[in-house]
Amino acid sequence: MSTIVKIDRLTKSYKDIDAVKDVSFTLEENKIYGMLGRNGAGKTTIMHLLTAQSFPTSGEIEVFGENPYENDRVLRRICFVKESQKYPNTFKVRDVLDVAGALFPNWDRSFALSLVEDFRLPLKRKVVKLSRGMLSAVGIIVGLASRAPLTIFDEPYLGLDAVARSLFYDRLLEDYAEHPRTIVLSTHLIDEVSRMLEHVILIDRGRLLLDEESEHLQGRAYTVVGSSDKIEAFGAGKRVLSREAMGGLTTITILSDSALEDRKQAQSLGLELAQVTLQQLIVHLTGNKNDRKEANVQ
């Protein structure tokens, strides 16, 4: 696969605050990425830097092999759907689609109109009169129908009900299968999107914690339950993300590169072992005050 984004030691500072600190990663073509993390972690800042809406304090950014700043060749190949996207007060839904058609070389108007029907959007209604969910649907339609080689969705689901969110996920996967491109999803609904993500990038407090294929990552994390003495023996030397004790039982969550061997060891000790979901793993990595680290998780 070709690399379409390369970020090297990227830092963005605001006075004495580092919103992004020494972050490096790449994005490959034709893959769905999840850029995950808590509110204020630095995800949106990174997306603004990628799309030339902000300048880095230090570090290098290449998109399609070029610097994206004031570079129309690069920017016309990116569609960035923002949570707080603004439109002129006079714009109707159909005006947004017309402008998108002029901006994106791969724009598919017939696909856009079919999505309008799916999301039950009124083409003639002014955007400022739309509900929060309808406004999110407008952004989703632009993002999907743009078919931009790099499409970024920043919290695209706000205001959407469960049915509309499911519709978004289904249409995204269907169109991605027919028209592969690189898609970045930033979202808090990790369990809902986990089945779609091929690669996870986890940002916490401006630093990169994880940069890993989803399948491999989810196989590394698990919980194990048993008597406290056996759990202590089992957890020795392992990376323990959390620990809870109740009575004589202890539950620990572990991140390991030796899950198969660990499972055999757990069985030999009579311990119960269960896989951790991606969302649970993210919570453990970013929410456990005793395990917050500034270095990458290895």
Protein backbone atom coordinates (compact mmCIF):
# COMPACT_ATOMS: atom_id res chain seq x y z
CA MET A 1 0.00 0.00 0.00
CA SER A 2 1.07 3.56 -0.65
CA THR A 3 1.50 6.04 2.17
CA ILE A 4 -0.75 9.05 1.66
CA VAL A 5 -0.11 10.84 4.97
CA LYS A 6 3.16 11.07 6.84
CA ILE A 7 3.38 12.93 10.14
CA ASP A 8 6.79 13.18 11.78
CA ARG A 9 7.36 14.54 15.31
CA LEU A 10 4.38 16.87 15.04
CA THR A 11 3.87 19.42 17.80
CA LYS A 12 1.25 22.16 18.14
CA SER A 13 1.57 24.52 21.09
CA TYR A 14 -0.66 27.32 22.34
CA LYS A 15 1.43 29.49 24.66
CA ASP A 16 2.51 27.04 27.39
CA ILE A 17 0.11 24.24 26.39
CA ASP A 18 1.04 21.44 23.99
CA ALA A 19 -2.20 20.39 22.29
CA VAL A 20 -0.17 17.90 20.24
CA LYS A 21 3.26 16.73 21.35
CA ASP A 22 5.83 14.88 19.25
CA VAL A 23 3.33 12.74 17.33
CA SER A 24 4.41 10.54 14.40
CA PHE A 25 2.30 8.17 12.29
CA THR A 26 1.37 7.33 8.71
CA LEU A 27 -1.90 6.70 6.90
CA GLU A 28 -2.00 4.20 4.07
CA GLU A 29 -4.27 4.31 1.05
CA ASN A 30 -7.59 2.45 1.03
CA LYS A 31 -7.93 1.80 4.75
CA ILE A 32 -10.40 2.85 7.44
CA TYR A 33 -8.76 4.42 10.48
CA GLY A 34 -10.18 5.26 13.86
CA MET A 35 -8.62 8.32 15.50
CA LEU A 36 -9.72 7.82 19.08
CA GLY A 37 -9.27 9.55 22.41
CA ARG A 38 -11.03 11.58 25.06
CA ASN A 39 -12.34 15.12 24.61
CA GLY A 40 -9.42 17.53 24.43
CA ALA A 41 -6.93 14.77 23.64
CA GLY A 42 -5.68 16.54 20.49
CA LYS A 43 -7.55 14.62 17.79
CA THR A 44 -9.27 17.60 16.19
CA THR A 45 -6.05 19.62 16.36
CA ILE A 46 -4.28 16.90 14.38
CA MET A 47 -7.08 16.87 11.81
CA HIS A 48 -6.88 20.64 11.45
CA LEU A 49 -3.14 20.37 10.90
CA LEU A 50 -3.60 17.61 8.32
CA THR A 51 -6.08 19.71 6.37
CA ALA A 52 -3.97 22.90 6.49
CA GLN A 53 -6.43 24.75 8.73
CA SER A 54 -3.72 25.27 11.32
CA PHE A 55 0.06 25.49 11.30
CA PRO A 56 2.31 23.19 13.35
CA THR A 57 4.69 24.58 15.92
CA SER A 58 7.23 22.00 14.81
CA GLY A 59 7.42 18.73 12.91
CA GLU A 60 6.62 17.71 9.34
CA ILE A 61 3.38 16.88 7.51
CA GLU A 62 3.15 15.32 4.06
CA VAL A 63 -0.16 14.53 2.36
CA PHE A 64 0.01 12.75 -0.98
CA GLY A 65 3.75 13.39 -0.84
CA GLU A 66 3.45 17.16 -0.54
CA ASN A 67 3.09 19.89 2.05
CA PRO A 68 -0.68 20.58 2.26
CA TYR A 69 -0.45 24.29 3.06
CA GLU A 70 -1.83 26.51 0.28
CA ASN A 71 -1.59 23.48 -1.99
CA ASP A 72 -4.74 23.08 -4.07
CA ARG A 73 -3.50 19.82 -5.61
CA VAL A 74 -3.54 18.25 -2.16
CA LEU A 75 -6.56 19.98 -0.63
CA ARG A 76 -8.90 19.06 -3.49
CA ARG A 77 -8.23 15.41 -2.67
CA ILE A 78 -9.30 15.83 0.98
CA CYS A 79 -12.80 16.06 2.39
CA PHE A 80 -12.95 17.07 6.06
CA VAL A 81 -16.39 16.79 7.67
CA LYS A 82 -16.24 18.78 10.90
CA GLU A 83 -18.51 18.56 13.91
CA SER A 84 -19.07 22.33 13.82
CA GLN A 85 -19.27 22.84 10.06
CA LYS A 86 -20.69 26.27 9.19
CA TYR A 87 -22.57 27.28 6.04
CA PRO A 88 -23.76 30.69 4.79
CA ASN A 89 -27.13 31.62 6.29
CA THR A 90 -28.74 31.74 2.85
CA PHE A 91 -27.66 28.21 1.87
CA LYS A 92 -30.25 25.51 1.38
CA VAL A 93 -29.37 21.82 1.45
CA ARG A 94 -29.26 21.71 -2.35
CA ASP A 95 -26.80 24.65 -2.36
CA VAL A 96 -24.42 22.69 -0.15
CA LEU A 97 -24.54 19.80 -2.62
CA ASP A 98 -23.97 22.13 -5.59
CA VAL A 99 -20.89 23.67 -3.95
CA ALA A 100 -19.57 20.24 -2.98
CA GLY A 101 -19.94 19.16 -6.60
CA ALA A 102 -17.72 22.05 -7.66
CA LEU A 103 -15.10 21.37 -4.98
CA PHE A 104 -14.56 17.62 -5.21
CA PRO A 105 -13.39 16.06 -8.49
CA ASN A 106 -14.86 12.64 -7.61
CA TRP A 107 -18.26 14.01 -6.55
CA ASP A 108 -21.16 11.65 -7.30
CA ARG A 109 -24.38 13.67 -7.40
CA SER A 110 -26.67 10.70 -7.94
CA PHE A 111 -25.19 9.02 -4.86
CA ALA A 112 -25.62 12.25 -2.90
CA LEU A 113 -29.29 12.48 -3.87
CA SER A 114 -29.88 8.86 -2.91
CA LEU A 115 -28.39 9.64 0.51
CA VAL A 116 -30.67 12.66 0.80
CA GLU A 117 -33.58 10.26 0.38
CA ASP A 118 -32.11 7.81 2.86
CA PHE A 119 -31.69 10.49 5.53
CA ARG A 120 -35.00 12.17 4.60
CA LEU A 121 -33.46 15.58 4.14
CA PRO A 122 -35.50 18.50 2.70
CA LEU A 123 -33.44 19.81 -0.24
CA LYS A 124 -35.17 23.19 -0.25
CA ARG A 125 -34.82 23.91 3.47
CA LYS A 126 -32.20 26.40 4.66
CA VAL A 127 -29.32 24.77 6.50
CA VAL A 128 -29.74 27.16 9.46
CA LYS A 129 -33.25 25.75 9.95
CA LEU A 130 -32.09 22.14 10.17
CA SER A 131 -32.07 20.13 13.36
CA ARG A 132 -28.76 18.99 14.83
CA GLY A 133 -29.27 15.53 13.39
CA MET A 134 -30.16 16.81 9.91
CA LEU A 135 -27.09 19.05 9.94
CA SER A 136 -24.94 16.01 10.76
CA ALA A 137 -26.60 14.14 7.89
CA VAL A 138 -25.64 16.95 5.48
CA GLY A 139 -21.99 16.54 6.47
CA ILE A 140 -22.18 12.77 6.14
CA ILE A 141 -23.65 13.06 2.65
CA VAL A 142 -20.91 15.46 1.55
CA GLY A 143 -18.23 13.20 3.02
CA LEU A 144 -19.52 10.03 1.40
CA ALA A 145 -20.49 11.46 -2.00
CA SER A 146 -17.21 13.39 -2.30
CA ARG A 147 -15.37 10.09 -2.66
CA ALA A 148 -12.24 12.06 -1.77
CA PRO A 149 -9.08 9.92 -1.59
CA LEU A 150 -8.70 11.13 2.01
CA THR A 151 -12.02 11.58 3.80
CA ILE A 152 -12.07 12.64 7.45
CA PHE A 153 -15.15 12.53 9.68
CA ASP A 154 -14.83 14.38 13.01
CA GLU A 155 -17.68 13.24 15.29
CA PRO A 156 -20.06 12.82 12.33
CA TYR A 157 -23.01 11.37 14.24
CA LEU A 158 -24.00 14.20 16.61
CA GLY A 159 -27.77 14.45 16.86
CA LEU A 160 -28.37 11.30 14.82
CA ASP A 161 -30.59 8.63 16.27
CA ALA A 162 -29.56 4.97 16.31
CA VAL A 163 -31.31 4.24 13.01
CA ALA A 164 -29.57 7.12 11.22
CA ARG A 165 -26.19 6.16 12.67
CA SER A 166 -26.65 2.60 11.49
CA LEU A 167 -27.59 3.91 8.05
CA PHE A 168 -24.38 5.97 7.96
CA TYR A 169 -22.23 2.97 8.86
CA ASP A 170 -23.94 0.76 6.28
CA ARG A 171 -23.64 3.28 3.45
CA LEU A 172 -20.04 3.99 4.32
CA LEU A 173 -19.06 0.32 4.18
CA GLU A 174 -21.05 -0.32 1.00
CA ASP A 175 -19.51 2.60 -0.86
CA TYR A 176 -16.04 1.94 0.54
CA ALA A 177 -16.22 -1.59 -0.87
CA GLU A 178 -16.97 -0.22 -4.36
CA HIS A 179 -14.81 2.91 -4.14
CA PRO A 180 -11.90 2.30 -1.75
CA ARG A 181 -10.24 5.34 -0.24
CA THR A 182 -8.64 6.32 3.05
CA ILE A 183 -11.23 7.18 5.69
CA VAL A 184 -10.52 8.58 9.15
CA LEU A 185 -13.27 8.40 11.77
CA SER A 186 -12.99 10.33 15.01
CA THR A 187 -15.78 9.27 17.34
CA HIS A 188 -16.75 8.53 20.93
CA LEU A 189 -19.07 5.67 19.92
CA ILE A 190 -16.22 3.21 19.68
CA ASP A 191 -18.26 0.04 20.08
CA GLU A 192 -20.52 1.08 17.20
CA VAL A 193 -17.66 1.68 14.76
CA SER A 194 -15.19 -0.95 15.95
CA ARG A 195 -16.34 -3.46 13.33
CA MET A 196 -15.40 -1.00 10.59
CA LEU A 197 -11.99 0.10 11.84
CA GLU A 198 -8.98 -1.52 10.25
CA HIS A 199 -6.43 0.52 12.18
CA VAL A 200 -6.54 2.41 15.48
CA ILE A 201 -4.69 5.61 16.33
CA LEU A 202 -5.16 6.56 19.98
CA ILE A 203 -4.30 10.07 21.16
CA ASP A 204 -4.20 11.01 24.84
CA ARG A 205 -3.16 14.37 26.23
CA GLY A 206 -1.62 15.28 22.89
CA ARG A 207 0.55 12.18 22.64
CA LEU A 208 0.30 9.03 20.59
CA LEU A 209 -0.57 6.00 22.74
CA LEU A 210 -1.47 3.44 20.09
CA ASP A 211 -0.89 3.04 16.36
CA GLU A 212 -1.93 -0.49 15.54
CA GLU A 213 -4.04 -2.75 13.34
CA SER A 214 -7.44 -3.29 15.00
CA GLU A 215 -7.45 -7.06 14.70
CA HIS A 216 -4.08 -7.43 16.37
CA LEU A 217 -4.91 -4.86 19.04
CA GLN A 218 -8.15 -6.46 20.14
CA GLY A 219 -6.44 -9.82 20.44
CA ARG A 220 -3.89 -8.37 22.87
CA ALA A 221 -6.26 -7.15 25.59
CA TYR A 222 -8.16 -9.35 28.02
CA THR A 223 -9.48 -9.55 31.58
CA VAL A 224 -8.78 -12.39 33.97
CA VAL A 225 -10.66 -13.21 37.18
CA GLY A 226 -9.72 -15.47 40.05
CA SER A 227 -8.51 -15.72 43.60
CA SER A 228 -6.25 -12.88 44.60
CA ASP A 229 -3.18 -15.02 45.20
CA LYS A 230 -3.43 -16.73 41.80
CA ILE A 231 -4.08 -13.40 40.06
CA GLU A 232 -1.00 -11.91 41.67
CA ALA A 233 1.08 -14.82 40.39
CA PHE A 234 -0.47 -14.60 36.93
CA GLY A 235 -0.05 -10.82 36.60
CA ALA A 236 3.60 -10.77 37.64
CA GLY A 237 5.70 -9.22 34.87
CA LYS A 238 2.67 -8.44 32.67
CA ARG A 239 1.32 -5.04 31.67
CA VAL A 240 -1.68 -4.62 33.97
CA LEU A 241 -4.01 -1.82 32.88
CA SER A 242 -6.50 -2.06 35.74
CA ARG A 243 -7.11 -4.01 38.92
CA GLU A 244 -10.29 -4.49 40.96
CA ALA A 245 -10.67 -6.57 44.11
CA MET A 246 -13.87 -7.77 45.77
CA GLY A 247 -13.71 -10.16 48.66
CA GLY A 248 -11.27 -12.91 47.79
CA LEU A 249 -11.54 -12.34 44.02
CA THR A 250 -9.48 -10.00 41.88
CA THR A 251 -10.04 -8.89 38.28
CA ILE A 252 -7.21 -7.49 36.20
CA THR A 253 -7.07 -6.21 32.64
CA ILE A 254 -3.89 -6.95 30.72
CA LEU A 255 -2.37 -5.78 27.45
CA SER A 256 -0.03 -8.43 26.11
CA ASP A 257 1.74 -9.68 22.99
CA SER A 258 1.50 -13.25 24.29
CA ALA A 259 -2.26 -13.72 24.62
CA LEU A 260 -2.18 -17.37 23.50
CA GLU A 261 0.46 -18.33 26.05
CA ASP A 262 -1.33 -16.24 28.68
CA ARG A 263 -4.57 -18.10 28.00
CA LYS A 264 -2.84 -21.44 28.56
CA GLN A 265 -1.32 -20.17 31.79
CA ALA A 266 -4.71 -18.87 32.99
CA GLN A 267 -6.33 -22.22 32.28
CA SER A 268 -3.61 -24.06 34.19
CA LEU A 269 -4.29 -21.81 37.20
CA GLY A 270 -8.06 -22.20 36.94
CA LEU A 271 -8.61 -18.53 36.11
CA GLU A 272 -11.41 -17.10 33.95
CA LEU A 273 -10.20 -15.14 30.94
CA ALA A 274 -12.30 -12.93 28.60
CA GLN A 275 -11.44 -10.65 25.68
CA VAL A 276 -11.76 -6.89 26.15
CA THR A 277 -13.70 -4.80 23.64
CA LEU A 278 -11.96 -1.96 21.85
CA GLN A 279 -13.96 0.60 23.79
CA GLN A 280 -13.10 -1.02 27.12
CA LEU A 281 -9.44 -1.04 26.13
CA ILE A 282 -9.51 2.66 25.24
CA VAL A 283 -11.17 3.45 28.58
CA HIS A 284 -8.52 1.50 30.46
CA LEU A 285 -5.67 3.17 28.59
CA THR A 286 -6.93 6.75 28.89
CA GLY A 287 -9.01 6.65 32.06
CA ASN A 288 -6.82 4.88 34.59
CA LYS A 289 -4.99 7.57 36.50
CA ASN A 290 -2.44 5.06 37.78
CA ASP A 291 -1.44 4.01 34.28
CA ARG A 292 -1.29 7.21 32.23
CA LYS A 293 1.99 7.24 30.38
CA GLU A 294 3.60 9.74 28.06
CA ALA A 295 5.35 7.03 26.06
CA ASN A 296 3.72 4.91 23.38
CA VAL A 297 2.15 1.63 24.43
CA GLN A 298 4.34 -1.13 23.07
